[in-house]
Structures are given as structure tokens and as C-alpha cells.
Amino acid sequence: MTYAIIALGGKQYRVSEGQRLLVDRLPHDEGATFTPDVLLVGGDGDPKLGADAAKQKVTALVSAHVLGKKVIVGKHRQRTGYRKRNGHRSRLSQIEIQSIGAATRKRTTKKPESEGKSE
């Protein structure tokens, strides 16, 4: 099973093909595909690191922009009547990993050798 470690928003994620995960909000629209930074590709023999991993391509699809669970933060000081309550909901993006594989290479066409060559 091929897997990759990608970097998104200052965090690293271990992903495999077809996996869905929640990450910090991305600047891409829903339905858009993008290629995150690849740090490592493994699963088939030796893992590829650094420049070898950068040649590999991971394609991800932004499936939805969602809000995370509500987090309540409470502060309390003993015997002073100080109570404070605050909360927030993180803005997240749900992505789906479509493919992990080699980057597309430009095809070079070989020029046909001249047929009338003398040896």
C-alpha cells in the first residue's frame, strides 16, 4: 500500500489514496484539485525522501469547507467571583486524496534516423 507524507498549513499528514481528512481552511474553492508539498513517499520498497519525493506527485480534491466542533474555554478565579467563558469553531477544509504517484513527465519524441545512412 503506497502512502505519502504531505505538508499543509504548517502540519504534516500521512495519507493514502482515497483517504479523506480534515485540515485547516485552504484557499482553494470546493471541487478544486491541488498538489500539496510531498515530503516522503513510501510503501513500495525503499521510501523516497527529499528531492526524490519532490518528484512524486500527490493530487488532492477539496470536497467541502466545514466548521469544526465548538470548543468552550472557561476561566475561573477562586473566591473572587471572576468567571469568563469564551469559545470558537475552527474553520476546516475536507480533502480527499485522489492519487499518489510519479509526476507527469514530458514526452520526448525521437527523431527518426535517416534511412540513407552510409556505414
PDB file of N, CA and C in Angstrom:
ATOM      1  N   MET A   1       0.836  -1.173   0.000  1.00  0.00           N
ATOM      2  CA  MET A   1       0.000   0.000   0.000  1.00  0.00           C
ATOM      3  C   MET A   1       0.887   1.245   0.000  1.00  0.00           C
ATOM      4  N   THR A   2       0.724   2.077  -0.978  1.00  0.00           N
ATOM      5  CA  THR A   2       1.521   3.289  -1.094  1.00  0.00           C
ATOM      6  C   THR A   2       0.960   4.365  -0.191  1.00  0.00           C
ATOM      7  N   TYR A   3       1.858   5.063   0.494  1.00  0.00           N
ATOM      8  CA  TYR A   3       1.449   6.187   1.321  1.00  0.00           C
ATOM      9  C   TYR A   3       2.401   7.343   1.084  1.00  0.00           C
ATOM     10  N   ALA A   4       1.988   8.524   1.521  1.00  0.00           N
ATOM     11  CA  ALA A   4       2.825   9.706   1.373  1.00  0.00           C
ATOM     12  C   ALA A   4       2.670  10.565   2.619  1.00  0.00           C
ATOM     13  N   ILE A   5       3.697  11.341   2.916  1.00  0.00           N
ATOM     14  CA  ILE A   5       3.613  12.341   3.974  1.00  0.00           C
ATOM     15  C   ILE A   5       3.642  13.691   3.283  1.00  0.00           C
ATOM     16  N   ILE A   6       2.563  14.471   3.499  1.00  0.00           N
ATOM     17  CA  ILE A   6       2.442  15.768   2.842  1.00  0.00           C
ATOM     18  C   ILE A   6       2.440  16.862   3.899  1.00  0.00           C
ATOM     19  N   ALA A   7       2.761  18.085   3.470  1.00  0.00           N
ATOM     20  CA  ALA A   7       2.757  19.243   4.358  1.00  0.00           C
ATOM     21  C   ALA A   7       1.673  20.202   3.900  1.00  0.00           C
ATOM     22  N   LEU A   8       0.768  20.554   4.829  1.00  0.00           N
ATOM     23  CA  LEU A   8      -0.314  21.507   4.561  1.00  0.00           C
ATOM     24  C   LEU A   8      -0.476  22.408   5.768  1.00  0.00           C
ATOM     25  N   GLY A   9      -0.396  23.704   5.572  1.00  0.00           N
ATOM     26  CA  GLY A   9      -0.655  24.644   6.653  1.00  0.00           C
ATOM     27  C   GLY A   9       0.266  24.488   7.845  1.00  0.00           C
ATOM     28  N   GLY A  10       1.525  24.149   7.621  1.00  0.00           N
ATOM     29  CA  GLY A  10       2.475  24.007   8.717  1.00  0.00           C
ATOM     30  C   GLY A  10       2.365  22.696   9.464  1.00  0.00           C
ATOM     31  N   LYS A  11       1.526  21.785   9.006  1.00  0.00           N
ATOM     32  CA  LYS A  11       1.362  20.483   9.649  1.00  0.00           C
ATOM     33  C   LYS A  11       1.669  19.393   8.637  1.00  0.00           C
ATOM     34  N   GLN A  12       1.993  18.202   9.135  1.00  0.00           N
ATOM     35  CA  GLN A  12       2.294  17.071   8.270  1.00  0.00           C
ATOM     36  C   GLN A  12       1.243  15.986   8.465  1.00  0.00           C
ATOM     37  N   TYR A  13       0.849  15.363   7.351  1.00  0.00           N
ATOM     38  CA  TYR A  13      -0.175  14.326   7.378  1.00  0.00           C
ATOM     39  C   TYR A  13       0.311  13.107   6.613  1.00  0.00           C
ATOM     40  N   ARG A  14       0.026  11.915   7.160  1.00  0.00           N
ATOM     41  CA  ARG A  14       0.314  10.665   6.445  1.00  0.00           C
ATOM     42  C   ARG A  14      -0.971  10.270   5.736  1.00  0.00           C
ATOM     43  N   VAL A  15      -0.910  10.172   4.411  1.00  0.00           N
ATOM     44  CA  VAL A  15      -2.110   9.928   3.624  1.00  0.00           C
ATOM     45  C   VAL A  15      -1.905   8.743   2.684  1.00  0.00           C
ATOM     46  N   SER A  16      -3.024   8.158   2.279  1.00  0.00           N
ATOM     47  CA  SER A  16      -3.009   7.118   1.258  1.00  0.00           C
ATOM     48  C   SER A  16      -4.126   7.431   0.277  1.00  0.00           C
ATOM     49  N   GLU A  17      -4.125   6.751  -0.852  1.00  0.00           N
ATOM     50  CA  GLU A  17      -5.105   7.031  -1.903  1.00  0.00           C
ATOM     51  C   GLU A  17      -6.520   6.768  -1.419  1.00  0.00           C
ATOM     52  N   GLY A  18      -7.439   7.685  -1.737  1.00  0.00           N
ATOM     53  CA  GLY A  18      -8.834   7.534  -1.375  1.00  0.00           C
ATOM     54  C   GLY A  18      -9.167   8.005   0.035  1.00  0.00           C
ATOM     55  N   GLN A  19      -8.180   8.434   0.791  1.00  0.00           N
ATOM     56  CA  GLN A  19      -8.406   8.858   2.174  1.00  0.00           C
ATOM     57  C   GLN A  19      -9.007  10.264   2.222  1.00  0.00           C
ATOM     58  N   ARG A  20      -9.919  10.484   3.183  1.00  0.00           N
ATOM     59  CA  ARG A  20     -10.498  11.808   3.423  1.00  0.00           C
ATOM     60  C   ARG A  20     -10.000  12.301   4.766  1.00  0.00           C
ATOM     61  N   LEU A  21      -9.639  13.588   4.852  1.00  0.00           N
ATOM     62  CA  LEU A  21      -9.213  14.131   6.125  1.00  0.00           C
ATOM     63  C   LEU A  21      -9.566  15.603   6.245  1.00  0.00           C
ATOM     64  N   LEU A  22      -9.647  16.077   7.479  1.00  0.00           N
ATOM     65  CA  LEU A  22      -9.943  17.471   7.767  1.00  0.00           C
ATOM     66  C   LEU A  22      -8.639  18.203   8.044  1.00  0.00           C
ATOM     67  N   VAL A  23      -8.432  19.324   7.359  1.00  0.00           N
ATOM     68  CA  VAL A  23      -7.237  20.141   7.542  1.00  0.00           C
ATOM     69  C   VAL A  23      -7.673  21.584   7.764  1.00  0.00           C
ATOM     70  N   ASP A  24      -6.744  22.445   8.167  1.00  0.00           N
ATOM     71  CA  ASP A  24      -7.055  23.858   8.309  1.00  0.00           C
ATOM     72  C   ASP A  24      -7.547  24.405   6.978  1.00  0.00           C
ATOM     73  N   ARG A  25      -8.370  25.447   7.030  1.00  0.00           N
ATOM     74  CA  ARG A  25      -9.009  26.004   5.832  1.00  0.00           C
ATOM     75  C   ARG A  25      -7.981  26.309   4.750  1.00  0.00           C
ATOM     76  N   LEU A  26      -8.280  25.864   3.537  1.00  0.00           N
ATOM     77  CA  LEU A  26      -7.399  26.062   2.384  1.00  0.00           C
ATOM     78  C   LEU A  26      -7.937  27.189   1.510  1.00  0.00           C
ATOM     79  N   PRO A  27      -7.075  27.866   0.764  1.00  0.00           N
ATOM     80  CA  PRO A  27      -7.531  28.961  -0.088  1.00  0.00           C
ATOM     81  C   PRO A  27      -8.184  28.515  -1.393  1.00  0.00           C
ATOM     82  N   HIS A  28      -8.322  27.198  -1.612  1.00  0.00           N
ATOM     83  CA  HIS A  28      -8.907  26.676  -2.842  1.00  0.00           C
ATOM     84  C   HIS A  28     -10.424  26.564  -2.710  1.00  0.00           C
ATOM     85  N   ASP A  29     -11.136  26.674  -3.826  1.00  0.00           N
ATOM     86  CA  ASP A  29     -12.588  26.534  -3.836  1.00  0.00           C
ATOM     87  C   ASP A  29     -12.984  25.063  -3.712  1.00  0.00           C
ATOM     88  N   GLU A  30     -14.255  24.840  -3.362  1.00  0.00           N
ATOM     89  CA  GLU A  30     -14.761  23.472  -3.309  1.00  0.00           C
ATOM     90  C   GLU A  30     -14.755  22.877  -4.708  1.00  0.00           C
ATOM     91  N   GLY A  31     -14.341  21.628  -4.820  1.00  0.00           N
ATOM     92  CA  GLY A  31     -14.285  20.954  -6.108  1.00  0.00           C
ATOM     93  C   GLY A  31     -12.970  21.156  -6.844  1.00  0.00           C
ATOM     94  N   ALA A  32     -12.092  21.999  -6.319  1.00  0.00           N
ATOM     95  CA  ALA A  32     -10.805  22.255  -6.975  1.00  0.00           C
ATOM     96  C   ALA A  32      -9.793  21.195  -6.568  1.00  0.00           C
ATOM     97  N   THR A  33      -8.898  20.865  -7.493  1.00  0.00           N
ATOM     98  CA  THR A  33      -7.816  19.935  -7.173  1.00  0.00           C
ATOM     99  C   THR A  33      -6.529  20.735  -7.016  1.00  0.00           C
ATOM    100  N   PHE A  34      -5.634  20.226  -6.166  1.00  0.00           N
ATOM    101  CA  PHE A  34      -4.358  20.884  -5.946  1.00  0.00           C
ATOM    102  C   PHE A  34      -3.316  19.836  -5.601  1.00  0.00           C
ATOM    103  N   THR A  35      -2.045  20.238  -5.608  1.00  0.00           N
ATOM    104  CA  THR A  35      -0.954  19.327  -5.287  1.00  0.00           C
ATOM    105  C   THR A  35      -0.202  19.878  -4.075  1.00  0.00           C
ATOM    106  N   PRO A  36      -0.301  19.224  -2.918  1.00  0.00           N
ATOM    107  CA  PRO A  36       0.424  19.680  -1.728  1.00  0.00           C
ATOM    108  C   PRO A  36       1.910  19.321  -1.817  1.00  0.00           C
ATOM    109  N   ASP A  37       2.713  19.892  -0.921  1.00  0.00           N
ATOM    110  CA  ASP A  37       4.136  19.572  -0.862  1.00  0.00           C
ATOM    111  C   ASP A  37       4.309  18.136  -0.368  1.00  0.00           C
ATOM    112  N   VAL A  38       5.147  17.371  -1.054  1.00  0.00           N
ATOM    113  CA  VAL A  38       5.375  15.969  -0.703  1.00  0.00           C
ATOM    114  C   VAL A  38       6.720  15.864   0.008  1.00  0.00           C
ATOM    115  N   LEU A  39       6.727  15.275   1.199  1.00  0.00           N
ATOM    116  CA  LEU A  39       7.951  15.118   1.974  1.00  0.00           C
ATOM    117  C   LEU A  39       8.524  13.717   1.871  1.00  0.00           C
ATOM    118  N   LEU A  40       7.646  12.706   1.774  1.00  0.00           N
ATOM    119  CA  LEU A  40       8.096  11.323   1.718  1.00  0.00           C
ATOM    120  C   LEU A  40       7.052  10.489   1.002  1.00  0.00           C
ATOM    121  N   VAL A  41       7.517   9.535   0.200  1.00  0.00           N
ATOM    122  CA  VAL A  41       6.626   8.563  -0.430  1.00  0.00           C
ATOM    123  C   VAL A  41       7.176   7.186  -0.092  1.00  0.00           C
ATOM    124  N   GLY A  42       6.318   6.327   0.453  1.00  0.00           N
ATOM    125  CA  GLY A  42       6.777   5.010   0.873  1.00  0.00           C
ATOM    126  C   GLY A  42       5.741   3.952   0.579  1.00  0.00           C
ATOM    127  N   GLY A  43       6.063   2.742   1.016  1.00  0.00           N
ATOM    128  CA  GLY A  43       5.152   1.621   0.848  1.00  0.00           C
ATOM    129  C   GLY A  43       5.590   0.649  -0.212  1.00  0.00           C
ATOM    130  N   ASP A  44       6.364   1.073  -1.178  1.00  0.00           N
ATOM    131  CA  ASP A  44       6.859   0.186  -2.229  1.00  0.00           C
ATOM    132  C   ASP A  44       8.378   0.094  -2.112  1.00  0.00           C
ATOM    133  N   GLY A  45       8.859  -0.765  -1.243  1.00  0.00           N
ATOM    134  CA  GLY A  45      10.306  -0.901  -1.085  1.00  0.00           C
ATOM    135  C   GLY A  45      10.877   0.251  -0.274  1.00  0.00           C
ATOM    136  N   ASP A  46      11.973   0.827  -0.767  1.00  0.00           N
ATOM    137  CA  ASP A  46      12.625   1.930  -0.061  1.00  0.00           C
ATOM    138  C   ASP A  46      11.790   3.200  -0.141  1.00  0.00           C
ATOM    139  N   PRO A  47      11.665   3.926   0.970  1.00  0.00           N
ATOM    140  CA  PRO A  47      10.941   5.203   0.917  1.00  0.00           C
ATOM    141  C   PRO A  47      11.768   6.251   0.173  1.00  0.00           C
ATOM    142  N   LYS A  48      11.084   7.134  -0.505  1.00  0.00           N
ATOM    143  CA  LYS A  48      11.747   8.208  -1.250  1.00  0.00           C
ATOM    144  C   LYS A  48      11.666   9.483  -0.427  1.00  0.00           C
ATOM    145  N   LEU A  49      12.814  10.090  -0.150  1.00  0.00           N
ATOM    146  CA  LEU A  49      12.897  11.301   0.666  1.00  0.00           C
ATOM    147  C   LEU A  49      13.431  12.467  -0.153  1.00  0.00           C
ATOM    148  N   GLY A  50      13.253  13.669   0.363  1.00  0.00           N
ATOM    149  CA  GLY A  50      13.876  14.864  -0.193  1.00  0.00           C
ATOM    150  C   GLY A  50      13.534  15.109  -1.644  1.00  0.00           C
ATOM    151  N   ALA A  51      14.578  15.235  -2.475  1.00  0.00           N
ATOM    152  CA  ALA A  51      14.393  15.565  -3.886  1.00  0.00           C
ATOM    153  C   ALA A  51      13.664  14.449  -4.632  1.00  0.00           C
ATOM    154  N   ASP A  52      13.898  13.184  -4.231  1.00  0.00           N
ATOM    155  CA  ASP A  52      13.197  12.075  -4.877  1.00  0.00           C
ATOM    156  C   ASP A  52      11.706  12.134  -4.594  1.00  0.00           C
ATOM    157  N   ALA A  53      11.337  12.524  -3.359  1.00  0.00           N
ATOM    158  CA  ALA A  53       9.921  12.633  -3.001  1.00  0.00           C
ATOM    159  C   ALA A  53       9.287  13.837  -3.683  1.00  0.00           C
ATOM    160  N   ALA A  54      10.059  14.896  -3.884  1.00  0.00           N
ATOM    161  CA  ALA A  54       9.519  16.099  -4.530  1.00  0.00           C
ATOM    162  C   ALA A  54       9.141  15.825  -5.981  1.00  0.00           C
ATOM    163  N   LYS A  55       9.780  14.821  -6.600  1.00  0.00           N
ATOM    164  CA  LYS A  55       9.443  14.463  -7.976  1.00  0.00           C
ATOM    165  C   LYS A  55       8.113  13.725  -8.047  1.00  0.00           C
ATOM    166  N   GLN A  56       7.714  13.101  -6.945  1.00  0.00           N
ATOM    167  CA  GLN A  56       6.429  12.400  -6.891  1.00  0.00           C
ATOM    168  C   GLN A  56       5.312  13.431  -6.794  1.00  0.00           C
ATOM    169  N   LYS A  57       4.139  13.052  -7.227  1.00  0.00           N
ATOM    170  CA  LYS A  57       3.021  13.983  -7.251  1.00  0.00           C
ATOM    171  C   LYS A  57       1.841  13.390  -6.488  1.00  0.00           C
ATOM    172  N   VAL A  58       1.281  14.186  -5.570  1.00  0.00           N
ATOM    173  CA  VAL A  58       0.077  13.800  -4.842  1.00  0.00           C
ATOM    174  C   VAL A  58      -1.013  14.770  -5.255  1.00  0.00           C
ATOM    175  N   THR A  59      -2.145  14.248  -5.686  1.00  0.00           N
ATOM    176  CA  THR A  59      -3.266  15.079  -6.115  1.00  0.00           C
ATOM    177  C   THR A  59      -4.381  14.970  -5.090  1.00  0.00           C
ATOM    178  N   ALA A  60      -4.882  16.133  -4.637  1.00  0.00           N
ATOM    179  CA  ALA A  60      -5.950  16.162  -3.633  1.00  0.00           C
ATOM    180  C   ALA A  60      -7.102  17.016  -4.144  1.00  0.00           C
ATOM    181  N   LEU A  61      -8.307  16.663  -3.722  1.00  0.00           N
ATOM    182  CA  LEU A  61      -9.532  17.364  -4.107  1.00  0.00           C
ATOM    183  C   LEU A  61     -10.144  17.987  -2.862  1.00  0.00           C
ATOM    184  N   VAL A  62     -10.510  19.280  -2.936  1.00  0.00           N
ATOM    185  CA  VAL A  62     -11.201  19.938  -1.827  1.00  0.00           C
ATOM    186  C   VAL A  62     -12.671  19.585  -1.965  1.00  0.00           C
ATOM    187  N   SER A  63     -13.180  18.722  -1.069  1.00  0.00           N
ATOM    188  CA  SER A  63     -14.563  18.288  -1.199  1.00  0.00           C
ATOM    189  C   SER A  63     -15.535  19.219  -0.485  1.00  0.00           C
ATOM    190  N   ALA A  64     -15.129  19.873   0.610  1.00  0.00           N
ATOM    191  CA  ALA A  64     -16.051  20.773   1.314  1.00  0.00           C
ATOM    192  C   ALA A  64     -15.289  21.661   2.286  1.00  0.00           C
ATOM    193  N   HIS A  65     -15.874  22.824   2.592  1.00  0.00           N
ATOM    194  CA  HIS A  65     -15.397  23.696   3.658  1.00  0.00           C
ATOM    195  C   HIS A  65     -16.400  23.567   4.792  1.00  0.00           C
ATOM    196  N   VAL A  66     -15.931  23.205   5.985  1.00  0.00           N
ATOM    197  CA  VAL A  66     -16.822  22.939   7.108  1.00  0.00           C
ATOM    198  C   VAL A  66     -16.338  23.668   8.358  1.00  0.00           C
ATOM    199  N   LEU A  67     -17.183  23.668   9.382  1.00  0.00           N
ATOM    200  CA  LEU A  67     -16.817  24.189  10.693  1.00  0.00           C
ATOM    201  C   LEU A  67     -16.556  23.015  11.627  1.00  0.00           C
ATOM    202  N   GLY A  68     -15.548  23.148  12.480  1.00  0.00           N
ATOM    203  CA  GLY A  68     -15.221  22.085  13.425  1.00  0.00           C
ATOM    204  C   GLY A  68     -16.157  22.093  14.619  1.00  0.00           C
ATOM    205  N   LYS A  69     -15.910  21.209  15.571  1.00  0.00           N
ATOM    206  CA  LYS A  69     -16.703  21.155  16.793  1.00  0.00           C
ATOM    207  C   LYS A  69     -16.489  22.429  17.596  1.00  0.00           C
ATOM    208  N   LYS A  70     -17.506  22.838  18.338  1.00  0.00           N
ATOM    209  CA  LYS A  70     -17.388  24.021  19.177  1.00  0.00           C
ATOM    210  C   LYS A  70     -16.507  23.694  20.381  1.00  0.00           C
ATOM    211  N   VAL A  71     -15.537  24.575  20.641  1.00  0.00           N
ATOM    212  CA  VAL A  71     -14.629  24.421  21.765  1.00  0.00           C
ATOM    213  C   VAL A  71     -14.934  25.543  22.747  1.00  0.00           C
ATOM    214  N   ILE A  72     -15.261  25.189  24.000  1.00  0.00           N
ATOM    215  CA  ILE A  72     -15.563  26.165  25.034  1.00  0.00           C
ATOM    216  C   ILE A  72     -14.338  26.320  25.938  1.00  0.00           C
ATOM    217  N   VAL A  73     -13.937  27.561  26.162  1.00  0.00           N
ATOM    218  CA  VAL A  73     -12.808  27.864  27.029  1.00  0.00           C
ATOM    219  C   VAL A  73     -13.359  28.629  28.229  1.00  0.00           C
ATOM    220  N   GLY A  74     -13.157  28.105  29.439  1.00  0.00           N
ATOM    221  CA  GLY A  74     -13.654  28.766  30.644  1.00  0.00           C
ATOM    222  C   GLY A  74     -12.520  29.136  31.575  1.00  0.00           C
ATOM    223  N   LYS A  75     -12.586  30.344  32.147  1.00  0.00           N
ATOM    224  CA  LYS A  75     -11.599  30.786  33.132  1.00  0.00           C
ATOM    225  C   LYS A  75     -12.329  31.040  34.443  1.00  0.00           C
ATOM    226  N   HIS A  76     -11.686  30.731  35.554  1.00  0.00           N
ATOM    227  CA  HIS A  76     -12.319  30.882  36.862  1.00  0.00           C
ATOM    228  C   HIS A  76     -11.235  31.188  37.887  1.00  0.00           C
ATOM    229  N   ARG A  77     -11.463  32.207  38.699  1.00  0.00           N
ATOM    230  CA  ARG A  77     -10.560  32.509  39.806  1.00  0.00           C
ATOM    231  C   ARG A  77     -11.295  32.227  41.108  1.00  0.00           C
ATOM    232  N   GLN A  78     -10.636  31.521  41.961  1.00  0.00           N
ATOM    233  CA  GLN A  78     -11.255  31.078  43.213  1.00  0.00           C
ATOM    234  C   GLN A  78     -11.565  32.258  44.144  1.00  0.00           C
ATOM    235  N   ARG A  79     -12.774  32.280  44.717  1.00  0.00           N
ATOM    236  CA  ARG A  79     -13.242  33.221  45.741  1.00  0.00           C
ATOM    237  C   ARG A  79     -13.266  34.684  45.311  1.00  0.00           C
ATOM    238  N   THR A  80     -13.192  35.016  44.042  1.00  0.00           N
ATOM    239  CA  THR A  80     -13.240  36.422  43.629  1.00  0.00           C
ATOM    240  C   THR A  80     -14.449  36.722  42.761  1.00  0.00           C
ATOM    241  N   GLY A  81     -15.205  35.728  42.406  1.00  0.00           N
ATOM    242  CA  GLY A  81     -16.367  35.945  41.551  1.00  0.00           C
ATOM    243  C   GLY A  81     -16.011  36.168  40.090  1.00  0.00           C
ATOM    244  N   TYR A  82     -14.769  35.836  39.720  1.00  0.00           N
ATOM    245  CA  TYR A  82     -14.329  36.029  38.332  1.00  0.00           C
ATOM    246  C   TYR A  82     -14.603  34.755  37.539  1.00  0.00           C
ATOM    247  N   ARG A  83     -15.492  34.859  36.576  1.00  0.00           N
ATOM    248  CA  ARG A  83     -15.755  33.756  35.657  1.00  0.00           C
ATOM    249  C   ARG A  83     -15.853  34.323  34.263  1.00  0.00           C
ATOM    250  N   LYS A  84     -15.206  33.685  33.347  1.00  0.00           N
ATOM    251  CA  LYS A  84     -15.217  34.146  31.960  1.00  0.00           C
ATOM    252  C   LYS A  84     -15.382  32.930  31.066  1.00  0.00           C
ATOM    253  N   ARG A  85     -16.199  33.072  30.052  1.00  0.00           N
ATOM    254  CA  ARG A  85     -16.441  31.953  29.152  1.00  0.00           C
ATOM    255  C   ARG A  85     -16.304  32.439  27.725  1.00  0.00           C
ATOM    256  N   ASN A  86     -15.576  31.689  26.926  1.00  0.00           N
ATOM    257  CA  ASN A  86     -15.345  32.043  25.533  1.00  0.00           C
ATOM    258  C   ASN A  86     -15.308  30.754  24.723  1.00  0.00           C
ATOM    259  N   GLY A  87     -15.523  30.832  23.429  1.00  0.00           N
ATOM    260  CA  GLY A  87     -15.484  29.636  22.606  1.00  0.00           C
ATOM    261  C   GLY A  87     -15.232  29.981  21.148  1.00  0.00           C
ATOM    262  N   HIS A  88     -14.975  28.957  20.374  1.00  0.00           N
ATOM    263  CA  HIS A  88     -14.772  29.169  18.938  1.00  0.00           C
ATOM    264  C   HIS A  88     -15.010  27.867  18.183  1.00  0.00           C
ATOM    265  N   ARG A  89     -15.218  28.002  16.880  1.00  0.00           N
ATOM    266  CA  ARG A  89     -15.321  26.858  15.974  1.00  0.00           C
ATOM    267  C   ARG A  89     -14.290  27.048  14.881  1.00  0.00           C
ATOM    268  N   SER A  90     -13.418  26.077  14.719  1.00  0.00           N
ATOM    269  CA  SER A  90     -12.354  26.171  13.719  1.00  0.00           C
ATOM    270  C   SER A  90     -12.927  26.044  12.319  1.00  0.00           C
ATOM    271  N   ARG A  91     -12.389  26.798  11.404  1.00  0.00           N
ATOM    272  CA  ARG A  91     -12.765  26.693  10.001  1.00  0.00           C
ATOM    273  C   ARG A  91     -11.848  25.648   9.362  1.00  0.00           C
ATOM    274  N   LEU A  92     -12.452  24.611   8.787  1.00  0.00           N
ATOM    275  CA  LEU A  92     -11.702  23.480   8.253  1.00  0.00           C
ATOM    276  C   LEU A  92     -12.070  23.215   6.805  1.00  0.00           C
ATOM    277  N   SER A  93     -11.206  22.493   6.115  1.00  0.00           N
ATOM    278  CA  SER A  93     -11.490  22.013   4.762  1.00  0.00           C
ATOM    279  C   SER A  93     -11.385  20.493   4.770  1.00  0.00           C
ATOM    280  N   GLN A  94     -12.330  19.853   4.104  1.00  0.00           N
ATOM    281  CA  GLN A  94     -12.282  18.396   3.974  1.00  0.00           C
ATOM    282  C   GLN A  94     -11.683  18.087   2.616  1.00  0.00           C
ATOM    283  N   ILE A  95     -10.594  17.306   2.609  1.00  0.00           N
ATOM    284  CA  ILE A  95      -9.941  16.972   1.342  1.00  0.00           C
ATOM    285  C   ILE A  95      -9.962  15.464   1.144  1.00  0.00           C
ATOM    286  N   GLU A  96      -9.862  15.070  -0.121  1.00  0.00           N
ATOM    287  CA  GLU A  96      -9.789  13.657  -0.481  1.00  0.00           C
ATOM    288  C   GLU A  96      -8.562  13.465  -1.352  1.00  0.00           C
ATOM    289  N   ILE A  97      -7.732  12.496  -1.000  1.00  0.00           N
ATOM    290  CA  ILE A  97      -6.519  12.208  -1.764  1.00  0.00           C
ATOM    291  C   ILE A  97      -6.919  11.360  -2.964  1.00  0.00           C
ATOM    292  N   GLN A  98      -6.666  11.892  -4.162  1.00  0.00           N
ATOM    293  CA  GLN A  98      -7.077  11.183  -5.374  1.00  0.00           C
ATOM    294  C   GLN A  98      -5.999  10.242  -5.892  1.00  0.00           C
ATOM    295  N   SER A  99      -4.751  10.708  -5.932  1.00  0.00           N
ATOM    296  CA  SER A  99      -3.709   9.832  -6.477  1.00  0.00           C
ATOM    297  C   SER A  99      -2.367  10.146  -5.841  1.00  0.00           C
ATOM    298  N   ILE A 100      -1.561   9.098  -5.737  1.00  0.00           N
ATOM    299  CA  ILE A 100      -0.179   9.219  -5.290  1.00  0.00           C
ATOM    300  C   ILE A 100       0.655   8.517  -6.345  1.00  0.00           C
ATOM    301  N   GLY A 101       1.575   9.243  -6.948  1.00  0.00           N
ATOM    302  CA  GLY A 101       2.379   8.618  -7.995  1.00  0.00           C
ATOM    303  C   GLY A 101       3.407   9.568  -8.553  1.00  0.00           C
ATOM    304  N   ALA A 102       4.075   9.120  -9.602  1.00  0.00           N
ATOM    305  CA  ALA A 102       5.126   9.910 -10.215  1.00  0.00           C
ATOM    306  C   ALA A 102       4.547  11.124 -10.915  1.00  0.00           C
ATOM    307  N   ALA A 103       5.351  12.156 -10.957  1.00  0.00           N
ATOM    308  CA  ALA A 103       4.933  13.370 -11.649  1.00  0.00           C
ATOM    309  C   ALA A 103       4.852  13.095 -13.139  1.00  0.00           C
ATOM    310  N   THR A 104       4.030  13.839 -13.807  1.00  0.00           N
ATOM    311  CA  THR A 104       3.913  13.648 -15.250  1.00  0.00           C
ATOM    312  C   THR A 104       5.184  14.151 -15.912  1.00  0.00           C
ATOM    313  N   ARG A 105       5.695  13.368 -16.785  1.00  0.00           N
ATOM    314  CA  ARG A 105       6.935  13.736 -17.477  1.00  0.00           C
ATOM    315  C   ARG A 105       6.600  14.152 -18.901  1.00  0.00           C
ATOM    316  N   LYS A 106       7.404  15.066 -19.411  1.00  0.00           N
ATOM    317  CA  LYS A 106       7.205  15.479 -20.798  1.00  0.00           C
ATOM    318  C   LYS A 106       7.689  14.356 -21.698  1.00  0.00           C
ATOM    319  N   ARG A 107       6.890  14.054 -22.681  1.00  0.00           N
ATOM    320  CA  ARG A 107       7.273  13.012 -23.623  1.00  0.00           C
ATOM    321  C   ARG A 107       8.177  13.614 -24.679  1.00  0.00           C
ATOM    322  N   THR A 108       9.279  12.980 -24.904  1.00  0.00           N
ATOM    323  CA  THR A 108      10.183  13.424 -25.954  1.00  0.00           C
ATOM    324  C   THR A 108      10.057  12.450 -27.108  1.00  0.00           C
ATOM    325  N   THR A 109       9.832  12.981 -28.257  1.00  0.00           N
ATOM    326  CA  THR A 109       9.723  12.114 -29.429  1.00  0.00           C
ATOM    327  C   THR A 109      11.092  12.007 -30.069  1.00  0.00           C
ATOM    328  N   LYS A 110      11.457  10.784 -30.364  1.00  0.00           N
ATOM    329  CA  LYS A 110      12.748  10.577 -31.017  1.00  0.00           C
ATOM    330  C   LYS A 110      12.619  10.920 -32.505  1.00  0.00           C
ATOM    331  N   LYS A 111      13.598  11.586 -32.971  1.00  0.00           N
ATOM    332  CA  LYS A 111      13.620  11.877 -34.395  1.00  0.00           C
ATOM    333  C   LYS A 111      13.987  10.599 -35.134  1.00  0.00           C
ATOM    334  N   PRO A 112      13.285  10.300 -36.199  1.00  0.00           N
ATOM    335  CA  PRO A 112      13.624   9.081 -36.942  1.00  0.00           C
ATOM    336  C   PRO A 112      15.010   9.203 -37.554  1.00  0.00           C
ATOM    337  N   GLU A 113      15.754   8.113 -37.433  1.00  0.00           N
ATOM    338  CA  GLU A 113      17.098   8.116 -38.016  1.00  0.00           C
ATOM    339  C   GLU A 113      16.993   8.145 -39.520  1.00  0.00           C
ATOM    340  N   SER A 114      17.947   8.823 -40.128  1.00  0.00           N
ATOM    341  CA  SER A 114      17.894   8.924 -41.591  1.00  0.00           C
ATOM    342  C   SER A 114      18.152   7.547 -42.181  1.00  0.00           C
ATOM    343  N   GLU A 115      17.323   7.179 -43.134  1.00  0.00           N
ATOM    344  CA  GLU A 115      17.392   5.842 -43.719  1.00  0.00           C
ATOM    345  C   GLU A 115      18.561   5.685 -44.669  1.00  0.00           C
ATOM    346  N   GLY A 116      19.027   6.757 -45.241  1.00  0.00           N
ATOM    347  CA  GLY A 116      20.107   6.665 -46.235  1.00  0.00           C
ATOM    348  C   GLY A 116      21.476   6.834 -45.628  1.00  0.00           C
ATOM    349  N   LYS A 117      21.661   6.329 -44.441  1.00  0.00           N
ATOM    350  CA  LYS A 117      22.942   6.494 -43.762  1.00  0.00           C
ATOM    351  C   LYS A 117      23.971   5.540 -44.354  1.00  0.00           C
ATOM    352  N   SER A 118      25.162   6.045 -44.527  1.00  0.00           N
ATOM    353  CA  SER A 118      26.229   5.159 -45.005  1.00  0.00           C
ATOM    354  C   SER A 118      27.068   4.746 -43.820  1.00  0.00           C
ATOM    355  N   GLU A 119      27.459   3.498 -43.803  1.00  0.00           N
ATOM    356  CA  GLU A 119      28.239   2.986 -42.690  1.00  0.00           C
ATOM    357  C   GLU A 119      29.659   2.781 -43.063  1.00  0.00           C
TER     358      GLU A 119
END
